[in-house]
C-alpha atoms as a PDB file:
ATOM      1  CA  MET A   1     -25.238  71.059-171.018  1.00  0.00           C
ATOM      2  CA  ALA A   2     -27.039  74.180-169.806  1.00  0.00           C
ATOM      3  CA  GLU A   3     -29.107  73.919-166.643  1.00  0.00           C
ATOM      4  CA  THR A   4     -32.869  74.013-166.996  1.00  0.00           C
ATOM      5  CA  PRO A   5     -34.040  77.308-165.488  1.00  0.00           C
ATOM      6  CA  LYS A   6     -36.144  76.957-162.345  1.00  0.00           C
ATOM      7  CA  ALA A   7     -39.532  78.598-162.151  1.00  0.00           C
ATOM      8  CA  PRO A   8     -39.074  81.907-160.311  1.00  0.00           C
ATOM      9  CA  VAL A   9     -39.954  81.824-156.628  1.00  0.00           C
ATOM     10  CA  TRP A  10     -39.330  84.884-154.502  1.00  0.00           C
ATOM     11  CA  GLU A  11     -39.487  84.113-150.793  1.00  0.00           C
ATOM     12  CA  GLN A  12     -38.197  85.427-147.504  1.00  0.00           C
ATOM     13  CA  ARG A  13     -37.573  83.030-144.625  1.00  0.00           C
ATOM     14  CA  TRP A  14     -37.125  84.034-141.009  1.00  0.00           C
ATOM     15  CA  HIS A  15     -33.880  82.934-139.392  1.00  0.00           C
ATOM     16  CA  PRO A  16     -35.055  82.159-135.834  1.00  0.00           C
ATOM     17  CA  LEU A  17     -31.596  82.175-134.258  1.00  0.00           C
ATOM     18  CA  ARG A  18     -30.279  85.380-135.803  1.00  0.00           C
ATOM     19  CA  GLU A  19     -33.698  87.034-135.959  1.00  0.00           C
ATOM     20  CA  GLU A  20     -33.303  88.260-139.504  1.00  0.00           C
ATOM     21  CA  TRP A  21     -34.821  87.590-142.912  1.00  0.00           C
ATOM     22  CA  VAL A  22     -33.045  85.595-145.640  1.00  0.00           C
ATOM     23  CA  LEU A  23     -34.086  86.145-149.262  1.00  0.00           C
ATOM     24  CA  TYR A  24     -34.440  83.023-151.442  1.00  0.00           C
ATOM     25  CA  THR A  25     -34.096  83.206-155.233  1.00  0.00           C
ATOM     26  CA  ALA A  26     -33.301  79.625-156.229  1.00  0.00           C
ATOM     27  CA  HIS A  27     -34.147  80.290-159.880  1.00  0.00           C
ATOM     28  CA  ARG A  28     -31.067  82.533-160.086  1.00  0.00           C
ATOM     29  CA  GLY A  29     -28.645  79.747-159.147  1.00  0.00           C
ATOM     30  CA  GLY A  30     -28.285  78.588-162.745  1.00  0.00           C
ATOM     31  CA  ARG A  31     -27.927  82.024-164.300  1.00  0.00           C
ATOM     32  CA  PRO A  32     -25.184  82.515-166.946  1.00  0.00           C
ATOM     33  CA  TRP A  33     -21.825  83.143-165.290  1.00  0.00           C
ATOM     34  CA  ILE A  34     -18.788  84.599-167.040  1.00  0.00           C
ATOM     35  CA  GLY A  35     -17.180  86.009-163.898  1.00  0.00           C
ATOM     36  CA  ASP A  36     -14.229  84.641-161.959  1.00  0.00           C
ATOM     37  CA  THR A  37     -14.115  80.957-161.091  1.00  0.00           C
ATOM     38  CA  HIS A  38     -12.065  79.448-158.274  1.00  0.00           C
ATOM     39  CA  ARG A  39     -11.921  75.674-157.942  1.00  0.00           C
ATOM     40  CA  ALA A  40     -10.560  74.432-154.634  1.00  0.00           C
ATOM     41  CA  ALA A  41      -6.989  73.215-155.053  1.00  0.00           C
ATOM     42  CA  GLU A  42      -6.565  69.435-155.153  1.00  0.00           C
ATOM     43  CA  ILE A  43      -3.164  69.010-153.537  1.00  0.00           C
ATOM     44  CA  THR A  44      -1.520  66.296-151.479  1.00  0.00           C
ATOM     45  CA  PRO A  45       0.597  67.953-148.792  1.00  0.00           C
ATOM     46  CA  PRO A  46       3.462  65.948-147.295  1.00  0.00           C
ATOM     47  CA  ALA A  47       3.099  64.390-143.864  1.00  0.00           C
ATOM     48  CA  TYR A  48       5.774  66.803-142.651  1.00  0.00           C
ATOM     49  CA  ASP A  49       6.673  70.255-143.961  1.00  0.00           C
ATOM     50  CA  PRO A  50       9.891  71.784-142.605  1.00  0.00           C
ATOM     51  CA  THR A  51       8.566  75.288-143.359  1.00  0.00           C
ATOM     52  CA  CYS A  52       5.266  74.784-141.487  1.00  0.00           C
ATOM     53  CA  ALA A  53       4.957  76.585-138.154  1.00  0.00           C
ATOM     54  CA  LEU A  54       2.443  73.972-136.951  1.00  0.00           C
ATOM     55  CA  CYS A  55       4.398  70.765-137.635  1.00  0.00           C
ATOM     56  CA  PRO A  56       6.075  68.973-134.694  1.00  0.00           C
ATOM     57  CA  GLY A  57       9.511  70.281-133.785  1.00  0.00           C
ATOM     58  CA  ASN A  58       9.345  73.327-136.040  1.00  0.00           C
ATOM     59  CA  LYS A  59      10.040  76.917-135.053  1.00  0.00           C
ATOM     60  CA  ARG A  60       7.225  79.442-134.718  1.00  0.00           C
ATOM     61  CA  VAL A  61       7.218  83.215-134.406  1.00  0.00           C
ATOM     62  CA  GLN A  62       7.813  82.700-130.705  1.00  0.00           C
ATOM     63  CA  GLY A  63       9.430  79.468-129.585  1.00  0.00           C
ATOM     64  CA  ALA A  64       9.043  76.050-131.173  1.00  0.00           C
ATOM     65  CA  ASN A  65       6.647  73.119-131.157  1.00  0.00           C
ATOM     66  CA  PRO A  66       7.467  69.981-129.202  1.00  0.00           C
ATOM     67  CA  ALA A  67       7.558  66.653-131.024  1.00  0.00           C
ATOM     68  CA  TYR A  68       3.850  66.168-130.351  1.00  0.00           C
ATOM     69  CA  THR A  69       2.165  62.936-131.435  1.00  0.00           C
ATOM     70  CA  GLY A  70      -1.552  63.672-131.031  1.00  0.00           C
ATOM     71  CA  VAL A  71      -3.874  66.658-130.788  1.00  0.00           C
ATOM     72  CA  TYR A  72      -1.875  69.656-129.558  1.00  0.00           C
ATOM     73  CA  TRP A  73      -2.642  73.247-128.569  1.00  0.00           C
ATOM     74  CA  PHE A  74      -0.534  76.329-127.938  1.00  0.00           C
ATOM     75  CA  THR A  75      -1.094  80.009-127.284  1.00  0.00           C
ATOM     76  CA  ASN A  76      -1.232  81.939-130.549  1.00  0.00           C
ATOM     77  CA  ASP A  77       2.023  83.813-131.140  1.00  0.00           C
ATOM     78  CA  LEU A  78       0.059  86.772-132.505  1.00  0.00           C
ATOM     79  CA  PRO A  79      -3.193  86.761-130.480  1.00  0.00           C
ATOM     80  CA  CYS A  80      -6.135  89.046-131.212  1.00  0.00           C
ATOM     81  CA  PHE A  81      -6.783  89.509-127.466  1.00  0.00           C
ATOM     82  CA  GLY A  82      -4.305  90.561-124.798  1.00  0.00           C
ATOM     83  CA  SER A  83      -3.839  92.560-121.627  1.00  0.00           C
ATOM     84  CA  GLU A  84      -2.665  95.909-122.915  1.00  0.00           C
ATOM     85  CA  THR A  85      -4.659  99.037-122.134  1.00  0.00           C
ATOM     86  CA  THR A  86      -6.870 100.593-124.766  1.00  0.00           C
ATOM     87  CA  SER A  87      -6.697 104.027-126.365  1.00  0.00           C
ATOM     88  CA  ALA A  88      -8.789 106.859-124.985  1.00  0.00           C
ATOM     89  CA  GLY A  89     -12.347 107.237-126.274  1.00  0.00           C
ATOM     90  CA  ASP A  90     -15.482 109.125-125.336  1.00  0.00           C
ATOM     91  CA  GLU A  91     -19.187 108.432-124.842  1.00  0.00           C
ATOM     92  CA  PHE A  92     -19.817 108.391-128.600  1.00  0.00           C
ATOM     93  CA  TYR A  93     -16.597 106.811-129.925  1.00  0.00           C
ATOM     94  CA  GLU A  94     -16.391 104.361-127.050  1.00  0.00           C
ATOM     95  CA  THR A  95     -13.458 102.006-126.544  1.00  0.00           C
ATOM     96  CA  LYS A  96     -12.491  99.304-124.093  1.00  0.00           C
ATOM     97  CA  ALA A  97      -9.618  96.876-123.727  1.00  0.00           C
ATOM     98  CA  ALA A  98      -9.714  93.613-125.709  1.00  0.00           C
ATOM     99  CA  GLU A  99      -8.749  91.311-122.860  1.00  0.00           C
ATOM    100  CA  GLY A 100      -8.219  87.590-123.215  1.00  0.00           C
ATOM    101  CA  THR A 101      -6.141  85.202-125.249  1.00  0.00           C
ATOM    102  CA  ALA A 102      -6.112  83.126-128.423  1.00  0.00           C
ATOM    103  CA  GLU A 103      -4.996  79.557-129.031  1.00  0.00           C
ATOM    104  CA  VAL A 104      -4.270  77.225-131.917  1.00  0.00           C
ATOM    105  CA  VAL A 105      -5.313  73.561-131.881  1.00  0.00           C
ATOM    106  CA  CYS A 106      -3.501  71.165-134.216  1.00  0.00           C
ATOM    107  CA  TYR A 107      -5.706  68.173-134.938  1.00  0.00           C
ATOM    108  CA  SER A 108      -2.798  65.921-135.883  1.00  0.00           C
ATOM    109  CA  PRO A 109       0.991  66.013-136.261  1.00  0.00           C
ATOM    110  CA  ASP A 110       0.463  64.883-139.883  1.00  0.00           C
ATOM    111  CA  HIS A 111       0.645  67.976-142.093  1.00  0.00           C
ATOM    112  CA  GLY A 112      -1.216  66.249-144.926  1.00  0.00           C
ATOM    113  CA  LYS A 113      -4.363  65.261-143.037  1.00  0.00           C
ATOM    114  CA  THR A 114      -7.710  67.030-142.693  1.00  0.00           C
ATOM    115  CA  PHE A 115     -10.596  66.166-140.372  1.00  0.00           C
ATOM    116  CA  VAL A 116     -11.819  63.537-142.864  1.00  0.00           C
ATOM    117  CA  ASP A 117      -8.587  61.577-142.323  1.00  0.00           C
ATOM    118  CA  LEU A 118      -8.778  61.328-138.540  1.00  0.00           C
ATOM    119  CA  THR A 119      -9.498  58.005-136.845  1.00  0.00           C
ATOM    120  CA  ASP A 120     -12.420  57.580-134.463  1.00  0.00           C
ATOM    121  CA  GLU A 121     -10.073  58.071-131.504  1.00  0.00           C
ATOM    122  CA  GLU A 122      -8.453  61.138-133.042  1.00  0.00           C
ATOM    123  CA  CYS A 123     -11.865  62.715-133.684  1.00  0.00           C
ATOM    124  CA  ALA A 124     -12.850  62.101-130.064  1.00  0.00           C
ATOM    125  CA  ALA A 125      -9.540  63.530-128.818  1.00  0.00           C
ATOM    126  CA  VAL A 126     -10.081  66.786-130.719  1.00  0.00           C
ATOM    127  CA  VAL A 127     -13.547  67.307-129.220  1.00  0.00           C
ATOM    128  CA  ALA A 128     -12.266  66.366-125.746  1.00  0.00           C
ATOM    129  CA  LEU A 129      -9.542  69.011-126.048  1.00  0.00           C
ATOM    130  CA  TRP A 130     -12.049  71.615-127.263  1.00  0.00           C
ATOM    131  CA  THR A 131     -14.136  70.850-124.174  1.00  0.00           C
ATOM    132  CA  GLU A 132     -11.159  71.147-121.855  1.00  0.00           C
ATOM    133  CA  ARG A 133     -10.105  74.484-123.378  1.00  0.00           C
ATOM    134  CA  TYR A 134     -13.688  75.845-123.233  1.00  0.00           C
ATOM    135  CA  ARG A 135     -13.893  75.022-119.527  1.00  0.00           C
ATOM    136  CA  GLU A 136     -10.446  76.349-118.619  1.00  0.00           C
ATOM    137  CA  LEU A 137     -10.574  79.518-120.706  1.00  0.00           C
ATOM    138  CA  GLY A 138     -14.184  80.246-119.794  1.00  0.00           C
ATOM    139  CA  ALA A 139     -13.274  80.119-116.096  1.00  0.00           C
ATOM    140  CA  ARG A 140     -10.925  83.079-116.472  1.00  0.00           C
ATOM    141  CA  PRO A 141     -12.490  86.254-115.042  1.00  0.00           C
ATOM    142  CA  GLU A 142     -11.691  88.309-118.145  1.00  0.00           C
ATOM    143  CA  VAL A 143     -13.179  85.785-120.610  1.00  0.00           C
ATOM    144  CA  ASP A 144     -16.858  86.250-121.461  1.00  0.00           C
ATOM    145  CA  HIS A 145     -16.925  84.112-124.610  1.00  0.00           C
ATOM    146  CA  VAL A 146     -14.945  81.222-126.091  1.00  0.00           C
ATOM    147  CA  LEU A 147     -15.225  80.993-129.875  1.00  0.00           C
ATOM    148  CA  ILE A 148     -13.806  77.843-131.494  1.00  0.00           C
ATOM    149  CA  PHE A 149     -13.623  77.920-135.283  1.00  0.00           C
ATOM    150  CA  GLU A 150     -11.867  76.363-138.262  1.00  0.00           C
ATOM    151  CA  ASN A 151     -11.094  78.006-141.591  1.00  0.00           C
ATOM    152  CA  LYS A 152     -10.377  75.267-144.122  1.00  0.00           C
ATOM    153  CA  GLY A 153      -8.968  76.006-147.547  1.00  0.00           C
ATOM    154  CA  SER A 154      -7.329  78.938-149.294  1.00  0.00           C
ATOM    155  CA  LEU A 155     -10.708  80.147-150.580  1.00  0.00           C
ATOM    156  CA  VAL A 156     -11.633  81.182-147.028  1.00  0.00           C
ATOM    157  CA  GLY A 157      -8.219  82.691-146.331  1.00  0.00           C
ATOM    158  CA  THR A 158      -6.443  79.849-144.562  1.00  0.00           C
ATOM    159  CA  SER A 159      -2.760  80.697-144.355  1.00  0.00           C
ATOM    160  CA  ASN A 160      -1.583  77.191-143.428  1.00  0.00           C
ATOM    161  CA  PRO A 161      -2.998  73.844-144.657  1.00  0.00           C
ATOM    162  CA  HIS A 162      -1.878  71.949-141.545  1.00  0.00           C
ATOM    163  CA  PRO A 163      -5.074  70.551-139.931  1.00  0.00           C
ATOM    164  CA  HIS A 164      -5.926  73.010-137.191  1.00  0.00           C
ATOM    165  CA  CYS A 165      -8.506  75.355-135.713  1.00  0.00           C
ATOM    166  CA  GLN A 166      -8.353  78.440-133.542  1.00  0.00           C
ATOM    167  CA  ILE A 167      -9.841  79.506-130.222  1.00  0.00           C
ATOM    168  CA  TYR A 168     -10.596  83.146-129.446  1.00  0.00           C
ATOM    169  CA  ALA A 169     -11.315  83.696-125.746  1.00  0.00           C
ATOM    170  CA  GLY A 170     -11.945  87.248-124.645  1.00  0.00           C
ATOM    171  CA  ASN A 171     -14.206  89.825-123.084  1.00  0.00           C
ATOM    172  CA  MET A 172     -16.150  90.338-126.314  1.00  0.00           C
ATOM    173  CA  ILE A 173     -19.252  88.213-126.933  1.00  0.00           C
ATOM    174  CA  TYR A 174     -19.399  87.823-130.698  1.00  0.00           C
ATOM    175  CA  GLY A 175     -22.481  89.209-132.423  1.00  0.00           C
ATOM    176  CA  HIS A 176     -24.067  85.954-133.633  1.00  0.00           C
ATOM    177  CA  THR A 177     -23.749  84.431-130.166  1.00  0.00           C
ATOM    178  CA  ALA A 178     -25.241  87.522-128.539  1.00  0.00           C
ATOM    179  CA  ARG A 179     -28.259  87.329-130.857  1.00  0.00           C
ATOM    180  CA  GLU A 180     -28.663  83.613-130.194  1.00  0.00           C
ATOM    181  CA  VAL A 181     -28.617  84.271-126.450  1.00  0.00           C
ATOM    182  CA  GLU A 182     -31.517  86.673-126.904  1.00  0.00           C
ATOM    183  CA  SER A 183     -33.491  84.508-129.343  1.00  0.00           C
ATOM    184  CA  GLY A 184     -33.118  81.533-126.984  1.00  0.00           C
ATOM    185  CA  ARG A 185     -34.347  83.571-124.019  1.00  0.00           C
ATOM    186  CA  LYS A 186     -37.281  85.024-125.929  1.00  0.00           C
ATOM    187  CA  TYR A 187     -38.390  81.600-127.171  1.00  0.00           C
ATOM    188  CA  HIS A 188     -38.147  80.080-123.698  1.00  0.00           C
ATOM    189  CA  ALA A 189     -40.069  82.980-122.140  1.00  0.00           C
ATOM    190  CA  ALA A 190     -42.840  82.672-124.739  1.00  0.00           C
ATOM    191  CA  THR A 191     -43.163  78.876-124.882  1.00  0.00           C
ATOM    192  CA  GLY A 192     -41.251  77.323-122.001  1.00  0.00           C
ATOM    193  CA  GLY A 193     -39.238  75.351-124.570  1.00  0.00           C
ATOM    194  CA  PHE A 194     -35.819  75.552-126.159  1.00  0.00           C
ATOM    195  CA  ILE A 195     -35.323  77.122-129.579  1.00  0.00           C
ATOM    196  CA  GLY A 196     -32.596  74.675-130.573  1.00  0.00           C
ATOM    197  CA  GLN A 197     -34.836  71.713-129.803  1.00  0.00           C
ATOM    198  CA  GLU A 198     -37.666  73.245-131.846  1.00  0.00           C
ATOM    199  CA  ILE A 199     -35.330  73.558-134.828  1.00  0.00           C
ATOM    200  CA  LEU A 200     -34.278  69.933-134.254  1.00  0.00           C
ATOM    201  CA  ARG A 201     -37.906  68.774-134.138  1.00  0.00           C
ATOM    202  CA  ARG A 202     -38.705  70.471-137.410  1.00  0.00           C
ATOM    203  CA  GLU A 203     -35.572  69.267-139.202  1.00  0.00           C
ATOM    204  CA  LEU A 204     -36.130  65.680-138.038  1.00  0.00           C
ATOM    205  CA  ALA A 205     -39.568  65.836-139.656  1.00  0.00           C
ATOM    206  CA  GLY A 206     -38.308  67.388-142.891  1.00  0.00           C
ATOM    207  CA  PRO A 207     -36.276  66.380-145.951  1.00  0.00           C
ATOM    208  CA  ARG A 208     -33.050  68.213-145.113  1.00  0.00           C
ATOM    209  CA  LEU A 209     -31.229  65.722-142.843  1.00  0.00           C
ATOM    210  CA  ILE A 210     -27.946  64.534-144.328  1.00  0.00           C
ATOM    211  CA  ALA A 211     -26.591  62.408-141.448  1.00  0.00           C
ATOM    212  CA  GLN A 212     -27.419  61.345-137.910  1.00  0.00           C
ATOM    213  CA  ASN A 213     -26.158  59.258-135.009  1.00  0.00           C
ATOM    214  CA  ASP A 214     -27.326  58.592-131.447  1.00  0.00           C
ATOM    215  CA  SER A 215     -26.445  62.066-130.176  1.00  0.00           C
ATOM    216  CA  PHE A 216     -26.401  64.471-133.152  1.00  0.00           C
ATOM    217  CA  VAL A 217     -28.025  65.186-136.483  1.00  0.00           C
ATOM    218  CA  ALA A 218     -26.680  67.149-139.437  1.00  0.00           C
ATOM    219  CA  CYS A 219     -28.902  69.093-141.799  1.00  0.00           C
ATOM    220  CA  VAL A 220     -29.077  71.915-144.292  1.00  0.00           C
ATOM    221  CA  PRO A 221     -31.441  74.077-142.236  1.00  0.00           C
ATOM    222  CA  TRP A 222     -34.655  75.483-143.702  1.00  0.00           C
ATOM    223  CA  PHE A 223     -33.248  78.998-143.176  1.00  0.00           C
ATOM    224  CA  ALA A 224     -29.762  78.280-144.635  1.00  0.00           C
ATOM    225  CA  ARG A 225     -27.866  81.361-145.741  1.00  0.00           C
ATOM    226  CA  TYR A 226     -25.378  79.530-148.001  1.00  0.00           C
ATOM    227  CA  ALA A 227     -26.081  76.848-150.605  1.00  0.00           C
ATOM    228  CA  TYR A 228     -24.372  74.017-148.724  1.00  0.00           C
ATOM    229  CA  GLU A 229     -24.604  75.383-145.192  1.00  0.00           C
ATOM    230  CA  VAL A 230     -24.834  72.585-142.613  1.00  0.00           C
ATOM    231  CA  TYR A 231     -25.848  72.642-138.957  1.00  0.00           C
ATOM    232  CA  ILE A 232     -24.943  69.919-136.470  1.00  0.00           C
ATOM    233  CA  LEU A 233     -27.632  69.841-133.763  1.00  0.00           C
ATOM    234  CA  PRO A 234     -27.624  67.924-130.455  1.00  0.00           C
ATOM    235  CA  ARG A 235     -30.539  65.579-129.808  1.00  0.00           C
ATOM    236  CA  ARG A 236     -30.946  66.979-126.291  1.00  0.00           C
ATOM    237  CA  GLN A 237     -30.777  70.495-124.923  1.00  0.00           C
ATOM    238  CA  VAL A 238     -27.220  71.496-124.068  1.00  0.00           C
ATOM    239  CA  ALA A 239     -25.709  74.966-123.983  1.00  0.00           C
ATOM    240  CA  SER A 240     -22.025  74.180-124.513  1.00  0.00           C
ATOM    241  CA  LEU A 241     -19.365  71.536-124.999  1.00  0.00           C
ATOM    242  CA  ALA A 242     -19.027  71.379-121.219  1.00  0.00           C
ATOM    243  CA  GLU A 243     -22.442  69.697-120.931  1.00  0.00           C
ATOM    244  CA  LEU A 244     -21.654  66.837-123.301  1.00  0.00           C
ATOM    245  CA  THR A 245     -20.978  63.372-121.926  1.00  0.00           C
ATOM    246  CA  PRO A 246     -17.847  61.545-123.123  1.00  0.00           C
ATOM    247  CA  ALA A 247     -20.063  59.448-125.423  1.00  0.00           C
ATOM    248  CA  GLU A 248     -21.609  62.613-126.871  1.00  0.00           C
ATOM    249  CA  GLN A 249     -18.174  64.170-127.363  1.00  0.00           C
ATOM    250  CA  ARG A 250     -17.158  61.108-129.355  1.00  0.00           C
ATOM    251  CA  ALA A 251     -20.385  61.181-131.369  1.00  0.00           C
ATOM    252  CA  LEU A 252     -19.817  64.852-132.198  1.00  0.00           C
ATOM    253  CA  GLY A 253     -16.340  64.119-133.530  1.00  0.00           C
ATOM    254  CA  LEU A 254     -17.694  61.355-135.755  1.00  0.00           C
ATOM    255  CA  MET A 255     -20.477  63.623-137.019  1.00  0.00           C
ATOM    256  CA  ILE A 256     -17.996  66.361-137.922  1.00  0.00           C
ATOM    257  CA  ARG A 257     -15.960  63.816-139.855  1.00  0.00           C
ATOM    258  CA  GLU A 258     -19.031  62.593-141.725  1.00  0.00           C
ATOM    259  CA  VAL A 259     -20.141  66.103-142.660  1.00  0.00           C
ATOM    260  CA  THR A 260     -16.690  67.042-143.948  1.00  0.00           C
ATOM    261  CA  THR A 261     -16.466  63.731-145.811  1.00  0.00           C
ATOM    262  CA  ARG A 262     -19.783  64.383-147.552  1.00  0.00           C
ATOM    263  CA  TYR A 263     -18.545  67.841-148.460  1.00  0.00           C
ATOM    264  CA  ASP A 264     -15.444  66.406-150.153  1.00  0.00           C
ATOM    265  CA  ASN A 265     -17.454  63.669-151.858  1.00  0.00           C
ATOM    266  CA  LEU A 266     -19.914  66.150-153.348  1.00  0.00           C
ATOM    267  CA  TRP A 267     -17.520  67.197-156.135  1.00  0.00           C
ATOM    268  CA  GLN A 268     -14.625  64.846-155.305  1.00  0.00           C
ATOM    269  CA  MET A 269     -12.362  67.637-154.157  1.00  0.00           C
ATOM    270  CA  PRO A 270     -11.508  69.263-150.809  1.00  0.00           C
ATOM    271  CA  MET A 271     -14.437  71.482-149.851  1.00  0.00           C
ATOM    272  CA  PRO A 272     -13.419  74.786-148.245  1.00  0.00           C
ATOM    273  CA  TYR A 273     -15.523  75.983-145.334  1.00  0.00           C
ATOM    274  CA  VAL A 274     -15.715  78.051-142.181  1.00  0.00           C
ATOM    275  CA  MET A 275     -16.826  75.982-139.190  1.00  0.00           C
ATOM    276  CA  ALA A 276     -17.844  77.604-135.907  1.00  0.00           C
ATOM    277  CA  ILE A 277     -18.927  76.089-132.614  1.00  0.00           C
ATOM    278  CA  HIS A 278     -21.850  78.108-131.239  1.00  0.00           C
ATOM    279  CA  GLN A 279     -21.990  77.764-127.469  1.00  0.00           C
ATOM    280  CA  ALA A 280     -22.977  79.703-124.391  1.00  0.00           C
ATOM    281  CA  PRO A 281     -20.983  82.725-123.259  1.00  0.00           C
ATOM    282  CA  THR A 282     -18.898  82.337-120.103  1.00  0.00           C
ATOM    283  CA  ASP A 283     -19.786  85.720-118.586  1.00  0.00           C
ATOM    284  CA  GLY A 284     -21.545  84.255-115.553  1.00  0.00           C
ATOM    285  CA  GLY A 285     -25.061  84.727-116.937  1.00  0.00           C
ATOM    286  CA  ASP A 286     -27.868  82.168-116.994  1.00  0.00           C
ATOM    287  CA  HIS A 287     -27.448  80.583-120.438  1.00  0.00           C
ATOM    288  CA  ARG A 288     -29.295  77.291-119.917  1.00  0.00           C
ATOM    289  CA  MET A 289     -31.532  78.158-122.875  1.00  0.00           C
ATOM    290  CA  TYR A 290     -28.657  78.676-125.290  1.00  0.00           C
ATOM    291  CA  PRO A 291     -28.940  76.531-128.477  1.00  0.00           C
ATOM    292  CA  PHE A 292     -25.563  74.776-128.737  1.00  0.00           C
ATOM    293  CA  HIS A 293     -24.784  73.757-132.318  1.00  0.00           C
ATOM    294  CA  LEU A 294     -22.075  73.754-134.998  1.00  0.00           C
ATOM    295  CA  GLU A 295     -22.313  75.669-138.266  1.00  0.00           C
ATOM    296  CA  PHE A 296     -20.474  74.998-141.523  1.00  0.00           C
ATOM    297  CA  HIS A 297     -20.405  77.725-144.158  1.00  0.00           C
ATOM    298  CA  PRO A 298     -18.809  76.632-147.454  1.00  0.00           C
ATOM    299  CA  PRO A 299     -18.181  79.557-149.841  1.00  0.00           C
ATOM    300  CA  LEU A 300     -18.763  77.520-153.020  1.00  0.00           C
ATOM    301  CA  ARG A 301     -22.152  77.195-154.688  1.00  0.00           C
ATOM    302  CA  LYS A 302     -20.668  75.198-157.592  1.00  0.00           C
ATOM    303  CA  PRO A 303     -17.320  73.374-157.848  1.00  0.00           C
ATOM    304  CA  ASP A 304     -15.625  76.511-159.156  1.00  0.00           C
ATOM    305  CA  THR A 305     -18.073  79.322-158.334  1.00  0.00           C
ATOM    306  CA  LEU A 306     -18.004  81.312-155.122  1.00  0.00           C
ATOM    307  CA  LYS A 307     -20.971  82.754-153.306  1.00  0.00           C
ATOM    308  CA  TYR A 308     -19.830  86.338-153.264  1.00  0.00           C
ATOM    309  CA  LEU A 309     -20.994  88.666-150.524  1.00  0.00           C
ATOM    310  CA  ALA A 310     -21.800  91.672-152.668  1.00  0.00           C
ATOM    311  CA  GLY A 311     -24.454  94.406-152.885  1.00  0.00           C
ATOM    312  CA  PRO A 312     -27.350  92.742-151.010  1.00  0.00           C
ATOM    313  CA  GLU A 313     -25.107  91.278-148.317  1.00  0.00           C
ATOM    314  CA  VAL A 314     -22.388  93.906-147.852  1.00  0.00           C
ATOM    315  CA  GLY A 315     -24.366  96.921-148.983  1.00  0.00           C
ATOM    316  CA  GLY A 316     -27.838  95.886-147.880  1.00  0.00           C
ATOM    317  CA  GLY A 317     -26.957  93.826-144.839  1.00  0.00           C
ATOM    318  CA  SER A 318     -29.155  90.803-145.600  1.00  0.00           C
ATOM    319  CA  MET A 319     -28.261  87.448-147.127  1.00  0.00           C
ATOM    320  CA  THR A 320     -29.585  86.149-150.440  1.00  0.00           C
ATOM    321  CA  ASN A 321     -29.530  82.379-150.957  1.00  0.00           C
ATOM    322  CA  GLU A 322     -29.711  81.408-154.629  1.00  0.00           C
ATOM    323  CA  SER A 323     -30.505  77.764-153.897  1.00  0.00           C
ATOM    324  CA  ASP A 324     -33.169  75.506-152.413  1.00  0.00           C
ATOM    325  CA  PRO A 325     -32.084  73.996-149.040  1.00  0.00           C
ATOM    326  CA  ASP A 326     -34.111  70.841-149.730  1.00  0.00           C
ATOM    327  CA  GLU A 327     -32.265  70.243-153.006  1.00  0.00           C
ATOM    328  CA  LYS A 328     -28.824  70.942-151.547  1.00  0.00           C
ATOM    329  CA  ALA A 329     -29.494  68.610-148.631  1.00  0.00           C
ATOM    330  CA  ALA A 330     -30.503  65.896-151.082  1.00  0.00           C
ATOM    331  CA  GLU A 331     -27.199  66.318-152.925  1.00  0.00           C
ATOM    332  CA  LEU A 332     -25.164  65.947-149.722  1.00  0.00           C
ATOM    333  CA  LYS A 333     -27.262  63.028-148.501  1.00  0.00           C
ATOM    334  CA  ALA A 334     -26.861  61.182-151.816  1.00  0.00           C
ATOM    335  CA  VAL A 335     -23.057  61.025-151.715  1.00  0.00           C
ATOM    336  CA  PRO A 336     -21.243  58.225-149.847  1.00  0.00           C
ATOM    337  CA  SER A 337     -20.193  58.603-146.221  1.00  0.00           C
ATOM    338  CA  VAL A 338     -16.815  57.004-147.047  1.00  0.00           C
ATOM    339  CA  HIS A 339     -14.306  59.460-148.464  1.00  0.00           C
ATOM    340  CA  TYR A 340     -13.767  59.211-152.207  1.00  0.00           C
ATOM    341  CA  LYS A 341      -9.978  58.959-151.842  1.00  0.00           C
ATOM    342  CA  ARG A 342     -10.327  55.779-149.785  1.00  0.00           C
ATOM    343  CA  ASN A 343     -12.205  54.219-152.683  1.00  0.00           C
ATOM    344  CA  GLN A 344      -9.239  55.031-154.930  1.00  0.00           C
ATOM    345  CA  ILE A 345      -6.708  53.141-152.793  1.00  0.00           C
ATOM    346  CA  PRO A 346      -5.847  49.807-154.494  1.00  0.00           C
ATOM    347  CA  ASN A 347      -6.212  46.598-152.518  1.00  0.00           C
END
């Protein structure tokens, strides 16, 4: 059955963290589509894969994994940061060394799990390890920024389905974080408040919340750039994982699991996404105003249709969102918080 076309509404919304405009054209979301379709693969990986470089006991490019039984990290065998000197540049084509390191964090020894399958304790252990690595890596003199991110699913380029994320820790402060540092400072200078808490206040009063607990809320933000983009926001002002209490670390793990569960339940298939933890740089600056939060960016706008970054995004440099954040939040909120596969397990 064809979708009923929405009445055209052309609107730009200001993204307060990135300080850029996002174009909204929700009426175009149901336009006829005869281009490529890519449904996320519904596979059941084994608990152990002898060819997987992340499974316990297996060989990697350099060395081998121990027989680990819980969350486990190691230095990336092919890191994007290092200690080698850079090539020569000049004042116009400037260069500098990319100093630092990169790490891999395996959520579980079980090759077939994803974050939705972790127990409460396993969720808490992952966040506790993230916090430990942020503190230790951020204390290194050459590390100005610690970026923790997860690419889930082949549609976002994941090369290995084993449940894991990566940590990039180097002397480069990534662009989105740099802009959020500035937007947080500007907002605090103008109002005396915190920009992350203002976003929280507005989302708590709106229709876009999809989940909440004592320490965090999850929402499709008013300024979402992707159809099913989700932010996890802390209920109090914190700038990084290092400021979370143990109870808040646990609550964050449970909130991540609920968000990823709702994603899978939306179309009863594994939802691909890019997740990034946005937190204060570790360059020694005053970042008390930084708006700590997590962002999830799923590439799908329908079960088999990607949101392509094309002319407006790649060529023009600004995002177009062909959906209504209120409607997408309602879809995610309406699905169960218990994973659909658990409901299929016979008693």
